[in-house]
Amino acid sequence: MTIKENQDTIDFISDYKQKTYLKKLFLKNTIELNNYFAYSGREEKTNPKVAYFIEKEKRYKARFARGIKNDMSKYKLKNESDRKIHCYLKSKRREEN
C-alpha cells in the first residue's frame, strides 16, 4: 500500500467509527414514539358542538371553492403594449398556482 491509500483507509475507519458513535448516541438520547402508546381500540369522539362547527366550516369553504366563472376571451386588447402587459400578468398568475 502506498502512503495515500493508507491515509484513505485511516480516514475511512475514523469516519465509520464516528458514524457508529453518533448513531448510538442518537438512539440513546431519543424516544421512538411510533410504538410508545398502547393501542386501546377506542376511537376519539369529538364534542357535538365542535363537530357541528367543523362541518359548517367545510360547507362554507365548499361554497366558495366552485371557481370563478368569468370568461374574458370575448374582449380583445387594442394595442401591443396592453397585450404584453396582459401576457406578463397571465404568466405571473400561472407561477403563483
Protein backbone atom coordinates (compact mmCIF):
# COMPACT_ATOMS: atom_id res chain seq x y z
CA MET A 1 0.00 0.00 0.00
CA THR A 2 1.11 3.49 -0.69
CA ILE A 3 1.03 6.27 1.85
CA LYS A 4 -2.03 7.88 0.22
CA GLU A 5 -4.01 4.62 0.21
CA ASN A 6 -3.06 4.04 3.83
CA GLN A 7 -4.24 7.55 4.77
CA ASP A 8 -7.52 6.99 2.88
CA THR A 9 -8.07 3.76 4.81
CA ILE A 10 -7.38 5.51 8.13
CA ASP A 11 -9.80 8.31 7.18
CA PHE A 12 -12.48 5.79 6.22
CA ILE A 13 -12.11 3.90 9.50
CA SER A 14 -12.26 7.10 11.58
CA ASP A 15 -15.36 8.28 9.68
CA TYR A 16 -17.03 4.90 10.23
CA LYS A 17 -16.24 4.96 13.96
CA GLN A 18 -17.64 8.46 14.25
CA LYS A 19 -20.76 7.45 12.36
CA THR A 20 -21.42 4.45 14.62
CA TYR A 21 -20.76 6.56 17.74
CA LEU A 22 -23.23 9.23 16.62
CA LYS A 23 -25.83 6.59 15.75
CA LYS A 24 -25.55 5.03 19.22
CA LEU A 25 -25.71 8.48 20.83
CA PHE A 26 -28.82 9.36 18.82
CA LEU A 27 -30.56 6.11 19.81
CA LYS A 28 -29.64 6.68 23.44
CA ASN A 29 -30.98 10.26 23.56
CA THR A 30 -34.22 9.89 21.57
CA ILE A 31 -37.54 8.23 22.27
CA GLU A 32 -39.23 6.42 19.40
CA LEU A 33 -42.90 7.44 19.63
CA ASN A 34 -44.27 5.22 16.87
CA ASN A 35 -44.97 2.37 19.30
CA TYR A 36 -44.85 4.35 22.53
CA PHE A 37 -48.58 4.27 23.32
CA ALA A 38 -50.52 1.02 23.56
CA TYR A 39 -53.42 0.60 21.13
CA SER A 40 -56.69 0.68 23.05
CA GLY A 41 -59.04 0.02 20.13
CA ARG A 42 -61.22 3.02 21.02
CA GLU A 43 -61.85 5.96 18.74
CA GLU A 44 -61.68 9.51 19.94
CA LYS A 45 -65.09 11.13 19.82
CA THR A 46 -65.49 14.84 19.31
CA ASN A 47 -67.86 17.11 21.10
CA PRO A 48 -71.12 17.52 19.10
CA LYS A 49 -70.71 21.31 19.07
CA VAL A 50 -67.18 21.04 17.73
CA ALA A 51 -68.28 18.53 15.09
CA TYR A 52 -71.06 20.91 14.04
CA PHE A 53 -68.62 23.81 13.57
CA ILE A 54 -66.16 21.64 11.65
CA GLU A 55 -68.93 20.52 9.27
CA LYS A 56 -70.17 24.10 8.91
CA GLU A 57 -66.67 25.26 8.01
CA LYS A 58 -66.37 22.54 5.34
CA ARG A 59 -69.69 23.59 3.79
CA TYR A 60 -68.65 27.25 3.86
CA LYS A 61 -65.35 26.51 2.10
CA ALA A 62 -67.07 24.28 -0.46
CA ARG A 63 -69.47 27.06 -1.38
CA PHE A 64 -66.61 29.34 -2.43
CA ALA A 65 -64.41 26.62 -3.96
CA ARG A 66 -66.61 26.20 -7.03
CA GLY A 67 -64.50 28.56 -9.07
CA ILE A 68 -64.96 31.92 -10.65
CA LYS A 69 -66.84 31.90 -13.92
CA ASN A 70 -65.66 34.94 -15.79
CA ASP A 71 -64.76 34.14 -19.37
CA MET A 72 -62.88 37.18 -20.69
CA SER A 73 -62.00 35.67 -24.08
CA LYS A 74 -64.53 37.83 -25.93
CA TYR A 75 -62.64 41.01 -25.00
CA LYS A 76 -59.64 42.00 -27.14
CA LEU A 77 -56.90 44.46 -26.22
CA LYS A 78 -56.43 47.41 -28.56
CA ASN A 79 -52.67 47.96 -28.76
CA GLU A 80 -49.50 45.87 -28.50
CA SER A 81 -48.33 47.26 -25.14
CA ASP A 82 -51.59 46.20 -23.49
CA ARG A 83 -51.12 42.69 -24.90
CA LYS A 84 -47.59 42.47 -23.47
CA ILE A 85 -48.81 43.56 -20.05
CA HIS A 86 -51.65 41.06 -20.25
CA CYS A 87 -49.27 38.20 -21.16
CA TYR A 88 -46.92 39.19 -18.33
CA LEU A 89 -49.73 39.21 -15.76
CA LYS A 90 -51.06 35.91 -17.09
CA SER A 91 -47.65 34.28 -16.67
CA LYS A 92 -47.35 35.65 -13.11
CA ARG A 93 -50.73 34.12 -12.20
CA ARG A 94 -49.59 30.75 -13.55
CA GLU A 95 -46.39 30.90 -11.45
CA GLU A 96 -48.39 31.58 -8.30
CA ASN A 97 -50.51 28.45 -8.88
